[in-house]
């Protein structure tokens, strides 16, 4: 749901107000939108670190977004969102606001800004982004309690130390390598990286990258792509795992990071019908969590085969 209003003034200011998601304006290279795994859209880092996963689709929340184009090729984005789209509660975040009409306004603030440079405002040139955000909520330390004792220790009071706010920074590059209008082909690469404090975030570093090719085999509207993504478990969460292993003397893996590989091909069968077979392989699921069905072992890597079809009316 997007109950929003937009306006564009002669001085190139644009304003959106309403129940908004993050959309495609922040932290989202065009080339990455071919892929099906959600991390190549709204990345794993904000999806796991922010309350309720942040305002990623379909979790809209009240917001104000300003876009300014001070000169050709330079664009500034700034948005202020309610800090938690659904709030705490039982069930997944989408179940807590199944209708998307909660209109929450008392969960602190999430402020995100980005500067984008795209020479000549042309899709034939690269787009380079630098951005960051700040959430004003209080965030639990993932290792220590209020007295500085490990939460894994029997001596802990069980109350995590609370950090004020949560910052993060990111960079994106979306670069065409070959653009041939004559035979309708285009080869592009993208890369992203994001950083966050490891004491209060499950993922403190995220990176992905990939390559897409439009027009393979003489089929002008088909697209093929390969991408990889990696999410690193934060220092406090890894320390907590080590504390459990040390204090209990039992097998408890220290999580490290999770990676995914995706290969995909989108067939444009007609001007209204797309079919997209897809292969994914997930390495070290959950960063290396215990298999609940086989104590003493980690969850195995997982291959995924899928097929997506899109019909446009």
C-alpha atoms as a PDB file:
ATOM      1  CA  UNK A   1       0.000   0.000   0.000  1.00  0.00           C
ATOM      2  CA  UNK A   2       1.323   3.422  -0.844  1.00  0.00           C
ATOM      3  CA  UNK A   3      -0.984   6.240   0.144  1.00  0.00           C
ATOM      4  CA  UNK A   4       1.356   8.961  -1.024  1.00  0.00           C
ATOM      5  CA  UNK A   5       1.342  12.265  -2.827  1.00  0.00           C
ATOM      6  CA  UNK A   6       4.146  13.541  -5.033  1.00  0.00           C
ATOM      7  CA  UNK A   7       4.941  16.938  -6.463  1.00  0.00           C
ATOM      8  CA  UNK A   8       7.682  18.383  -8.638  1.00  0.00           C
ATOM      9  CA  UNK A   9       8.554  22.062  -8.556  1.00  0.00           C
ATOM     10  CA  UNK A  10      10.498  23.997 -11.218  1.00  0.00           C
ATOM     11  CA  UNK A  11      13.600  23.989  -8.993  1.00  0.00           C
ATOM     12  CA  UNK A  12      13.727  20.158  -9.206  1.00  0.00           C
ATOM     13  CA  UNK A  13      12.503  19.454  -5.684  1.00  0.00           C
ATOM     14  CA  UNK A  14      10.250  16.417  -5.364  1.00  0.00           C
ATOM     15  CA  UNK A  15       8.266  15.485  -2.270  1.00  0.00           C
ATOM     16  CA  UNK A  16       6.448  12.312  -1.231  1.00  0.00           C
ATOM     17  CA  UNK A  17       4.353  12.018   1.924  1.00  0.00           C
ATOM     18  CA  UNK A  18       2.321   9.037   3.061  1.00  0.00           C
ATOM     19  CA  UNK A  19       2.431   5.365   3.953  1.00  0.00           C
ATOM     20  CA  UNK A  20       5.661   4.463   2.139  1.00  0.00           C
ATOM     21  CA  UNK A  21       8.160   1.661   1.661  1.00  0.00           C
ATOM     22  CA  UNK A  22      11.825   2.216   0.876  1.00  0.00           C
ATOM     23  CA  UNK A  23      11.020   1.442  -2.786  1.00  0.00           C
ATOM     24  CA  UNK A  24      13.838   1.437  -5.306  1.00  0.00           C
ATOM     25  CA  UNK A  25      15.243   4.891  -4.591  1.00  0.00           C
ATOM     26  CA  UNK A  26      17.735   3.908  -1.881  1.00  0.00           C
ATOM     27  CA  UNK A  27      20.426   1.220  -1.857  1.00  0.00           C
ATOM     28  CA  UNK A  28      19.081  -0.512  -4.987  1.00  0.00           C
ATOM     29  CA  UNK A  29      21.115  -0.701  -8.246  1.00  0.00           C
ATOM     30  CA  UNK A  30      19.046  -1.143 -11.404  1.00  0.00           C
ATOM     31  CA  UNK A  31      21.051  -4.201 -12.512  1.00  0.00           C
ATOM     32  CA  UNK A  32      20.264  -6.066  -9.278  1.00  0.00           C
ATOM     33  CA  UNK A  33      16.506  -6.037  -9.941  1.00  0.00           C
ATOM     34  CA  UNK A  34      16.700  -9.010 -12.300  1.00  0.00           C
ATOM     35  CA  UNK A  35      17.430 -11.401  -9.427  1.00  0.00           C
ATOM     36  CA  UNK A  36      14.845 -13.267  -7.360  1.00  0.00           C
ATOM     37  CA  UNK A  37      16.618 -13.724  -4.012  1.00  0.00           C
ATOM     38  CA  UNK A  38      15.379 -10.933  -1.769  1.00  0.00           C
ATOM     39  CA  UNK A  39      18.899  -9.928  -0.687  1.00  0.00           C
ATOM     40  CA  UNK A  40      19.529  -8.456  -4.145  1.00  0.00           C
ATOM     41  CA  UNK A  41      16.591  -6.139  -3.568  1.00  0.00           C
ATOM     42  CA  UNK A  42      16.425  -5.032   0.075  1.00  0.00           C
ATOM     43  CA  UNK A  43      19.749  -6.440   1.370  1.00  0.00           C
ATOM     44  CA  UNK A  44      20.140  -8.903   4.223  1.00  0.00           C
ATOM     45  CA  UNK A  45      21.868  -6.348   6.451  1.00  0.00           C
ATOM     46  CA  UNK A  46      18.976  -3.867   6.905  1.00  0.00           C
ATOM     47  CA  UNK A  47      16.417  -6.679   6.647  1.00  0.00           C
ATOM     48  CA  UNK A  48      17.938  -8.336   9.748  1.00  0.00           C
ATOM     49  CA  UNK A  49      19.306  -5.321  11.631  1.00  0.00           C
ATOM     50  CA  UNK A  50      16.400  -2.863  11.507  1.00  0.00           C
ATOM     51  CA  UNK A  51      13.234  -3.246  13.626  1.00  0.00           C
ATOM     52  CA  UNK A  52      10.731  -5.423  11.710  1.00  0.00           C
ATOM     53  CA  UNK A  53      13.257  -5.469   8.864  1.00  0.00           C
ATOM     54  CA  UNK A  54      12.759  -1.789   8.058  1.00  0.00           C
ATOM     55  CA  UNK A  55      10.212  -0.403   5.593  1.00  0.00           C
ATOM     56  CA  UNK A  56      11.010  -2.897   2.848  1.00  0.00           C
ATOM     57  CA  UNK A  57       8.144  -4.070   0.639  1.00  0.00           C
ATOM     58  CA  UNK A  58       5.411  -4.812   1.643  1.00  0.00           C
ATOM     59  CA  UNK A  59       5.871  -3.164   5.068  1.00  0.00           C
ATOM     60  CA  UNK A  60       4.923   0.472   4.522  1.00  0.00           C
ATOM     61  CA  UNK A  61       4.981   3.030   7.331  1.00  0.00           C
ATOM     62  CA  UNK A  62       4.371   6.810   7.596  1.00  0.00           C
ATOM     63  CA  UNK A  63       7.204   8.727   5.951  1.00  0.00           C
ATOM     64  CA  UNK A  64       8.364  11.880   4.204  1.00  0.00           C
ATOM     65  CA  UNK A  65      10.785  11.665   1.272  1.00  0.00           C
ATOM     66  CA  UNK A  66      12.552  14.584  -0.419  1.00  0.00           C
ATOM     67  CA  UNK A  67      14.504  14.366  -3.676  1.00  0.00           C
ATOM     68  CA  UNK A  68      16.654  17.215  -4.959  1.00  0.00           C
ATOM     69  CA  UNK A  69      18.451  17.433  -8.331  1.00  0.00           C
ATOM     70  CA  UNK A  70      20.853  20.364  -7.808  1.00  0.00           C
ATOM     71  CA  UNK A  71      22.611  19.820 -11.152  1.00  0.00           C
ATOM     72  CA  UNK A  72      22.679  17.372 -14.022  1.00  0.00           C
ATOM     73  CA  UNK A  73      23.927  13.984 -12.910  1.00  0.00           C
ATOM     74  CA  UNK A  74      23.676  14.643  -9.162  1.00  0.00           C
ATOM     75  CA  UNK A  75      20.678  13.578  -7.076  1.00  0.00           C
ATOM     76  CA  UNK A  76      20.158  13.867  -3.318  1.00  0.00           C
ATOM     77  CA  UNK A  77      17.617  11.752  -1.452  1.00  0.00           C
ATOM     78  CA  UNK A  78      16.516  12.217   2.160  1.00  0.00           C
ATOM     79  CA  UNK A  79      13.698  10.367   3.913  1.00  0.00           C
ATOM     80  CA  UNK A  80      12.282  10.178   7.417  1.00  0.00           C
ATOM     81  CA  UNK A  81      10.332   7.020   8.300  1.00  0.00           C
ATOM     82  CA  UNK A  82       8.612   5.816  11.441  1.00  0.00           C
ATOM     83  CA  UNK A  83      11.301   3.705  13.144  1.00  0.00           C
ATOM     84  CA  UNK A  84       9.467   0.356  13.228  1.00  0.00           C
ATOM     85  CA  UNK A  85       6.866  -0.565  10.567  1.00  0.00           C
ATOM     86  CA  UNK A  86       4.989  -3.138  12.698  1.00  0.00           C
ATOM     87  CA  UNK A  87       6.252  -3.041  16.284  1.00  0.00           C
ATOM     88  CA  UNK A  88       6.932  -5.967  18.585  1.00  0.00           C
ATOM     89  CA  UNK A  89       4.464  -8.810  18.956  1.00  0.00           C
ATOM     90  CA  UNK A  90       3.680 -12.436  18.281  1.00  0.00           C
ATOM     91  CA  UNK A  91       4.220 -13.818  14.787  1.00  0.00           C
ATOM     92  CA  UNK A  92       6.173 -12.505  11.839  1.00  0.00           C
ATOM     93  CA  UNK A  93       6.302  -8.822  10.988  1.00  0.00           C
ATOM     94  CA  UNK A  94       3.891  -9.191   8.065  1.00  0.00           C
ATOM     95  CA  UNK A  95       1.347 -10.954  10.303  1.00  0.00           C
ATOM     96  CA  UNK A  96       1.506  -8.119  12.820  1.00  0.00           C
ATOM     97  CA  UNK A  97       0.322  -5.665  10.147  1.00  0.00           C
ATOM     98  CA  UNK A  98      -1.308  -7.920   7.569  1.00  0.00           C
ATOM     99  CA  UNK A  99      -3.418  -5.116   6.093  1.00  0.00           C
ATOM    100  CA  UNK A 100      -0.547  -2.633   5.825  1.00  0.00           C
ATOM    101  CA  UNK A 101      -2.696   0.097   7.401  1.00  0.00           C
ATOM    102  CA  UNK A 102      -1.223   0.357  10.911  1.00  0.00           C
ATOM    103  CA  UNK A 103      -0.001   3.971  10.363  1.00  0.00           C
ATOM    104  CA  UNK A 104       2.367   3.735  13.333  1.00  0.00           C
ATOM    105  CA  UNK A 105       3.952   7.013  14.458  1.00  0.00           C
ATOM    106  CA  UNK A 106       5.402   6.335  17.938  1.00  0.00           C
ATOM    107  CA  UNK A 107       8.357   4.042  17.214  1.00  0.00           C
ATOM    108  CA  UNK A 108      11.171   6.535  17.022  1.00  0.00           C
ATOM    109  CA  UNK A 109      12.608   7.732  13.728  1.00  0.00           C
ATOM    110  CA  UNK A 110      14.563   6.158  10.909  1.00  0.00           C
ATOM    111  CA  UNK A 111      16.433   8.750   8.859  1.00  0.00           C
ATOM    112  CA  UNK A 112      18.134   7.724   5.601  1.00  0.00           C
ATOM    113  CA  UNK A 113      20.036   9.837   3.088  1.00  0.00           C
ATOM    114  CA  UNK A 114      21.820   9.114  -0.171  1.00  0.00           C
ATOM    115  CA  UNK A 115      23.778  10.996  -2.823  1.00  0.00           C
ATOM    116  CA  UNK A 116      23.829   9.553  -6.339  1.00  0.00           C
ATOM    117  CA  UNK A 117      26.089  10.515  -9.226  1.00  0.00           C
ATOM    118  CA  UNK A 118      25.133   9.465 -12.755  1.00  0.00           C
ATOM    119  CA  UNK A 119      27.014  11.398 -15.482  1.00  0.00           C
ATOM    120  CA  UNK A 120      24.623  13.072 -17.932  1.00  0.00           C
ATOM    121  CA  UNK A 121      21.669  11.385 -16.159  1.00  0.00           C
ATOM    122  CA  UNK A 122      22.070   8.576 -18.680  1.00  0.00           C
ATOM    123  CA  UNK A 123      21.513   4.830 -18.287  1.00  0.00           C
ATOM    124  CA  UNK A 124      24.501   4.364 -20.595  1.00  0.00           C
ATOM    125  CA  UNK A 125      26.757   5.669 -17.825  1.00  0.00           C
ATOM    126  CA  UNK A 126      27.460   4.290 -14.373  1.00  0.00           C
ATOM    127  CA  UNK A 127      25.531   5.250 -11.246  1.00  0.00           C
ATOM    128  CA  UNK A 128      27.493   5.677  -8.006  1.00  0.00           C
ATOM    129  CA  UNK A 129      25.776   5.970  -4.630  1.00  0.00           C
ATOM    130  CA  UNK A 130      26.856   6.707  -1.080  1.00  0.00           C
ATOM    131  CA  UNK A 131      24.355   6.668   1.739  1.00  0.00           C
ATOM    132  CA  UNK A 132      23.697   6.076   5.386  1.00  0.00           C
ATOM    133  CA  UNK A 133      20.982   5.894   7.991  1.00  0.00           C
ATOM    134  CA  UNK A 134      20.281   6.395  11.680  1.00  0.00           C
ATOM    135  CA  UNK A 135      17.565   4.716  13.748  1.00  0.00           C
ATOM    136  CA  UNK A 136      16.760   6.516  17.001  1.00  0.00           C
ATOM    137  CA  UNK A 137      15.410   3.447  18.847  1.00  0.00           C
ATOM    138  CA  UNK A 138      17.400   1.680  21.570  1.00  0.00           C
ATOM    139  CA  UNK A 139      19.089  -1.558  20.481  1.00  0.00           C
ATOM    140  CA  UNK A 140      20.014  -4.582  22.598  1.00  0.00           C
ATOM    141  CA  UNK A 141      23.646  -5.569  22.910  1.00  0.00           C
ATOM    142  CA  UNK A 142      23.975  -9.062  21.475  1.00  0.00           C
ATOM    143  CA  UNK A 143      26.580 -10.247  24.015  1.00  0.00           C
ATOM    144  CA  UNK A 144      26.636  -8.307  27.288  1.00  0.00           C
ATOM    145  CA  UNK A 145      24.092  -7.430  29.956  1.00  0.00           C
ATOM    146  CA  UNK A 146      23.733  -4.121  31.792  1.00  0.00           C
ATOM    147  CA  UNK A 147      26.618  -5.044  34.121  1.00  0.00           C
ATOM    148  CA  UNK A 148      29.010  -6.038  31.350  1.00  0.00           C
ATOM    149  CA  UNK A 149      28.552  -9.770  32.012  1.00  0.00           C
ATOM    150  CA  UNK A 150      28.037 -12.143  29.107  1.00  0.00           C
ATOM    151  CA  UNK A 151      24.376 -12.955  28.546  1.00  0.00           C
ATOM    152  CA  UNK A 152      25.460 -16.596  28.208  1.00  0.00           C
ATOM    153  CA  UNK A 153      26.744 -16.630  31.811  1.00  0.00           C
ATOM    154  CA  UNK A 154      24.641 -17.931  34.726  1.00  0.00           C
ATOM    155  CA  UNK A 155      25.782 -14.794  36.571  1.00  0.00           C
ATOM    156  CA  UNK A 156      24.076 -12.515  34.035  1.00  0.00           C
ATOM    157  CA  UNK A 157      20.937 -10.636  35.063  1.00  0.00           C
ATOM    158  CA  UNK A 158      19.500 -11.450  31.616  1.00  0.00           C
ATOM    159  CA  UNK A 159      18.917  -7.795  30.764  1.00  0.00           C
ATOM    160  CA  UNK A 160      20.929  -6.757  27.673  1.00  0.00           C
ATOM    161  CA  UNK A 161      22.819  -3.501  27.666  1.00  0.00           C
ATOM    162  CA  UNK A 162      20.918  -0.983  25.531  1.00  0.00           C
ATOM    163  CA  UNK A 163      22.651   1.143  22.896  1.00  0.00           C
ATOM    164  CA  UNK A 164      21.266   4.506  21.855  1.00  0.00           C
ATOM    165  CA  UNK A 165      20.570   4.528  18.131  1.00  0.00           C
ATOM    166  CA  UNK A 166      21.917   2.483  15.264  1.00  0.00           C
ATOM    167  CA  UNK A 167      23.914   3.957  12.345  1.00  0.00           C
ATOM    168  CA  UNK A 168      24.916   2.320   9.079  1.00  0.00           C
ATOM    169  CA  UNK A 169      26.697   3.350   5.876  1.00  0.00           C
ATOM    170  CA  UNK A 170      26.712   1.884   2.381  1.00  0.00           C
ATOM    171  CA  UNK A 171      28.130   2.318  -1.125  1.00  0.00           C
ATOM    172  CA  UNK A 172      26.685   1.125  -4.453  1.00  0.00           C
ATOM    173  CA  UNK A 173      28.089   0.942  -7.966  1.00  0.00           C
ATOM    174  CA  UNK A 174      26.011   0.100 -11.055  1.00  0.00           C
ATOM    175  CA  UNK A 175      28.209   0.142 -14.165  1.00  0.00           C
ATOM    176  CA  UNK A 176      27.336  -0.670 -17.790  1.00  0.00           C
ATOM    177  CA  UNK A 177      30.323  -2.242 -19.526  1.00  0.00           C
ATOM    178  CA  UNK A 178      28.930  -2.651 -23.044  1.00  0.00           C
ATOM    179  CA  UNK A 179      25.870  -0.920 -24.498  1.00  0.00           C
ATOM    180  CA  UNK A 180      25.077  -1.678 -28.133  1.00  0.00           C
ATOM    181  CA  UNK A 181      21.879  -0.050 -29.401  1.00  0.00           C
ATOM    182  CA  UNK A 182      22.268  -1.631 -32.836  1.00  0.00           C
ATOM    183  CA  UNK A 183      21.723  -5.208 -31.643  1.00  0.00           C
ATOM    184  CA  UNK A 184      19.938  -4.277 -28.374  1.00  0.00           C
ATOM    185  CA  UNK A 185      22.547  -5.813 -26.081  1.00  0.00           C
ATOM    186  CA  UNK A 186      23.787  -4.551 -22.746  1.00  0.00           C
ATOM    187  CA  UNK A 187      26.337  -5.938 -20.298  1.00  0.00           C
ATOM    188  CA  UNK A 188      26.305  -4.444 -16.779  1.00  0.00           C
ATOM    189  CA  UNK A 189      27.845  -5.109 -13.378  1.00  0.00           C
ATOM    190  CA  UNK A 190      26.821  -3.979  -9.906  1.00  0.00           C
ATOM    191  CA  UNK A 191      28.378  -4.072  -6.449  1.00  0.00           C
ATOM    192  CA  UNK A 192      27.246  -2.996  -2.979  1.00  0.00           C
ATOM    193  CA  UNK A 193      28.689  -2.945   0.518  1.00  0.00           C
ATOM    194  CA  UNK A 194      27.176  -1.953   3.865  1.00  0.00           C
ATOM    195  CA  UNK A 195      28.633  -1.502   7.367  1.00  0.00           C
ATOM    196  CA  UNK A 196      27.013  -1.357  10.839  1.00  0.00           C
ATOM    197  CA  UNK A 197      28.184  -1.600  14.489  1.00  0.00           C
ATOM    198  CA  UNK A 198      28.810  -5.213  15.474  1.00  0.00           C
ATOM    199  CA  UNK A 199      27.733  -4.827  19.114  1.00  0.00           C
ATOM    200  CA  UNK A 200      24.024  -4.284  18.364  1.00  0.00           C
ATOM    201  CA  UNK A 201      23.542  -5.754  14.875  1.00  0.00           C
ATOM    202  CA  UNK A 202      23.374  -9.400  13.861  1.00  0.00           C
ATOM    203  CA  UNK A 203      25.016  -8.490  10.511  1.00  0.00           C
ATOM    204  CA  UNK A 204      27.796  -5.906  10.687  1.00  0.00           C
ATOM    205  CA  UNK A 205      29.052  -6.213   7.100  1.00  0.00           C
ATOM    206  CA  UNK A 206      27.259  -7.060   3.864  1.00  0.00           C
ATOM    207  CA  UNK A 207      28.472  -7.182   0.282  1.00  0.00           C
ATOM    208  CA  UNK A 208      27.073  -8.381  -3.008  1.00  0.00           C
ATOM    209  CA  UNK A 209      27.815  -8.072  -6.700  1.00  0.00           C
ATOM    210  CA  UNK A 210      26.747  -9.455 -10.015  1.00  0.00           C
ATOM    211  CA  UNK A 211      26.596  -9.247 -13.765  1.00  0.00           C
ATOM    212  CA  UNK A 212      23.607  -9.040 -16.107  1.00  0.00           C
ATOM    213  CA  UNK A 213      23.415  -9.401 -19.876  1.00  0.00           C
ATOM    214  CA  UNK A 214      20.469  -8.174 -21.920  1.00  0.00           C
ATOM    215  CA  UNK A 215      19.924  -9.615 -25.388  1.00  0.00           C
ATOM    216  CA  UNK A 216      21.688 -13.009 -25.247  1.00  0.00           C
ATOM    217  CA  UNK A 217      21.430 -15.421 -28.213  1.00  0.00           C
ATOM    218  CA  UNK A 218      19.987 -12.660 -30.396  1.00  0.00           C
ATOM    219  CA  UNK A 219      16.881 -12.383 -28.177  1.00  0.00           C
ATOM    220  CA  UNK A 220      16.709  -8.640 -27.578  1.00  0.00           C
ATOM    221  CA  UNK A 221      14.347  -8.718 -24.585  1.00  0.00           C
ATOM    222  CA  UNK A 222      15.800 -11.697 -22.694  1.00  0.00           C
ATOM    223  CA  UNK A 223      18.138 -11.205 -19.730  1.00  0.00           C
ATOM    224  CA  UNK A 224      20.669 -13.481 -18.042  1.00  0.00           C
ATOM    225  CA  UNK A 225      22.480 -12.877 -14.788  1.00  0.00           C
ATOM    226  CA  UNK A 226      24.785 -14.176 -12.084  1.00  0.00           C
ATOM    227  CA  UNK A 227      25.131 -12.671  -8.600  1.00  0.00           C
ATOM    228  CA  UNK A 228      26.661 -13.455  -5.209  1.00  0.00           C
ATOM    229  CA  UNK A 229      25.889 -12.025  -1.783  1.00  0.00           C
ATOM    230  CA  UNK A 230      27.595 -12.330   1.601  1.00  0.00           C
ATOM    231  CA  UNK A 231      26.400 -11.371   5.093  1.00  0.00           C
ATOM    232  CA  UNK A 232      28.921 -11.427   7.971  1.00  0.00           C
ATOM    233  CA  UNK A 233      27.708 -12.144  11.500  1.00  0.00           C
ATOM    234  CA  UNK A 234      28.575  -9.291  13.873  1.00  0.00           C
ATOM    235  CA  UNK A 235      31.301  -9.439  16.511  1.00  0.00           C
ATOM    236  CA  UNK A 236      28.948  -9.493  19.524  1.00  0.00           C
ATOM    237  CA  UNK A 237      26.845 -12.369  18.173  1.00  0.00           C
ATOM    238  CA  UNK A 238      30.014 -14.368  17.445  1.00  0.00           C
ATOM    239  CA  UNK A 239      31.316 -13.598  20.934  1.00  0.00           C
ATOM    240  CA  UNK A 240      28.039 -14.766  22.454  1.00  0.00           C
ATOM    241  CA  UNK A 241      28.360 -18.074  20.572  1.00  0.00           C
ATOM    242  CA  UNK A 242      31.918 -18.487  21.891  1.00  0.00           C
ATOM    243  CA  UNK A 243      30.725 -17.767  25.442  1.00  0.00           C
ATOM    244  CA  UNK A 244      28.052 -20.483  25.199  1.00  0.00           C
ATOM    245  CA  UNK A 245      30.589 -23.033  23.966  1.00  0.00           C
ATOM    246  CA  UNK A 246      33.095 -22.068  26.680  1.00  0.00           C
ATOM    247  CA  UNK A 247      30.633 -21.989  29.564  1.00  0.00           C
ATOM    248  CA  UNK A 248      28.673 -25.124  28.695  1.00  0.00           C
ATOM    249  CA  UNK A 249      31.446 -27.258  27.242  1.00  0.00           C
ATOM    250  CA  UNK A 250      28.970 -28.458  24.613  1.00  0.00           C
ATOM    251  CA  UNK A 251      29.044 -28.231  20.841  1.00  0.00           C
ATOM    252  CA  UNK A 252      27.877 -24.780  19.814  1.00  0.00           C
ATOM    253  CA  UNK A 253      29.114 -23.428  16.464  1.00  0.00           C
ATOM    254  CA  UNK A 254      30.406 -19.882  16.271  1.00  0.00           C
ATOM    255  CA  UNK A 255      28.494 -18.277  13.454  1.00  0.00           C
ATOM    256  CA  UNK A 256      30.584 -16.609  10.768  1.00  0.00           C
ATOM    257  CA  UNK A 257      28.611 -15.591   7.689  1.00  0.00           C
ATOM    258  CA  UNK A 258      26.146 -16.733   5.048  1.00  0.00           C
ATOM    259  CA  UNK A 259      26.597 -16.523   1.274  1.00  0.00           C
ATOM    260  CA  UNK A 260      24.302 -17.056  -1.693  1.00  0.00           C
ATOM    261  CA  UNK A 261      24.944 -17.637  -5.385  1.00  0.00           C
ATOM    262  CA  UNK A 262      22.191 -17.054  -7.956  1.00  0.00           C
ATOM    263  CA  UNK A 263      22.023 -17.880 -11.671  1.00  0.00           C
ATOM    264  CA  UNK A 264      18.948 -16.763 -13.559  1.00  0.00           C
ATOM    265  CA  UNK A 265      17.574 -16.313 -17.077  1.00  0.00           C
ATOM    266  CA  UNK A 266      14.422 -14.370 -17.961  1.00  0.00           C
ATOM    267  CA  UNK A 267      12.673 -15.307 -21.215  1.00  0.00           C
ATOM    268  CA  UNK A 268      10.436 -12.675 -22.788  1.00  0.00           C
ATOM    269  CA  UNK A 269       8.063 -15.120 -24.484  1.00  0.00           C
ATOM    270  CA  UNK A 270       5.593 -12.463 -25.662  1.00  0.00           C
ATOM    271  CA  UNK A 271       5.203  -8.755 -24.990  1.00  0.00           C
ATOM    272  CA  UNK A 272       3.005  -9.669 -21.996  1.00  0.00           C
ATOM    273  CA  UNK A 273       4.519 -12.916 -20.666  1.00  0.00           C
ATOM    274  CA  UNK A 274       7.872 -13.564 -18.974  1.00  0.00           C
ATOM    275  CA  UNK A 275       9.202 -16.887 -17.670  1.00  0.00           C
ATOM    276  CA  UNK A 276      12.286 -16.944 -15.437  1.00  0.00           C
ATOM    277  CA  UNK A 277      13.989 -20.208 -14.358  1.00  0.00           C
ATOM    278  CA  UNK A 278      16.310 -19.672 -11.412  1.00  0.00           C
ATOM    279  CA  UNK A 279      19.015 -21.538  -9.484  1.00  0.00           C
ATOM    280  CA  UNK A 280      20.331 -20.522  -6.079  1.00  0.00           C
ATOM    281  CA  UNK A 281      22.817 -22.082  -3.693  1.00  0.00           C
ATOM    282  CA  UNK A 282      22.990 -20.960  -0.055  1.00  0.00           C
ATOM    283  CA  UNK A 283      26.264 -21.558   1.784  1.00  0.00           C
ATOM    284  CA  UNK A 284      26.571 -21.840   5.585  1.00  0.00           C
ATOM    285  CA  UNK A 285      22.902 -21.190   6.335  1.00  0.00           C
ATOM    286  CA  UNK A 286      22.312 -18.729   9.172  1.00  0.00           C
ATOM    287  CA  UNK A 287      26.043 -18.216   9.419  1.00  0.00           C
ATOM    288  CA  UNK A 288      26.503 -21.825  10.569  1.00  0.00           C
ATOM    289  CA  UNK A 289      23.638 -22.644  12.951  1.00  0.00           C
ATOM    290  CA  UNK A 290      23.031 -25.954  14.736  1.00  0.00           C
ATOM    291  CA  UNK A 291      20.877 -28.486  12.899  1.00  0.00           C
ATOM    292  CA  UNK A 292      17.888 -29.092  15.247  1.00  0.00           C
ATOM    293  CA  UNK A 293      17.419 -32.547  13.721  1.00  0.00           C
ATOM    294  CA  UNK A 294      21.077 -33.552  14.113  1.00  0.00           C
ATOM    295  CA  UNK A 295      22.631 -32.149  17.313  1.00  0.00           C
ATOM    296  CA  UNK A 296      26.370 -31.731  16.946  1.00  0.00           C
ATOM    297  CA  UNK A 297      26.131 -30.731  13.297  1.00  0.00           C
ATOM    298  CA  UNK A 298      25.495 -27.530  11.395  1.00  0.00           C
ATOM    299  CA  UNK A 299      22.620 -27.059   8.968  1.00  0.00           C
ATOM    300  CA  UNK A 300      23.819 -28.192   5.523  1.00  0.00           C
ATOM    301  CA  UNK A 301      24.170 -25.924   2.516  1.00  0.00           C
ATOM    302  CA  UNK A 302      21.047 -25.744   0.347  1.00  0.00           C
ATOM    303  CA  UNK A 303      20.459 -25.699  -3.420  1.00  0.00           C
ATOM    304  CA  UNK A 304      17.233 -24.054  -4.597  1.00  0.00           C
ATOM    305  CA  UNK A 305      15.535 -24.416  -7.971  1.00  0.00           C
ATOM    306  CA  UNK A 306      12.688 -22.109  -8.904  1.00  0.00           C
ATOM    307  CA  UNK A 307      10.573 -20.723 -11.705  1.00  0.00           C
ATOM    308  CA  UNK A 308       8.911 -17.329 -11.789  1.00  0.00           C
ATOM    309  CA  UNK A 309       6.413 -16.217 -14.377  1.00  0.00           C
ATOM    310  CA  UNK A 310       5.031 -12.729 -14.920  1.00  0.00           C
ATOM    311  CA  UNK A 311       1.924 -11.880 -16.916  1.00  0.00           C
ATOM    312  CA  UNK A 312       1.284  -8.217 -17.667  1.00  0.00           C
ATOM    313  CA  UNK A 313      -2.312  -7.137 -18.262  1.00  0.00           C
END
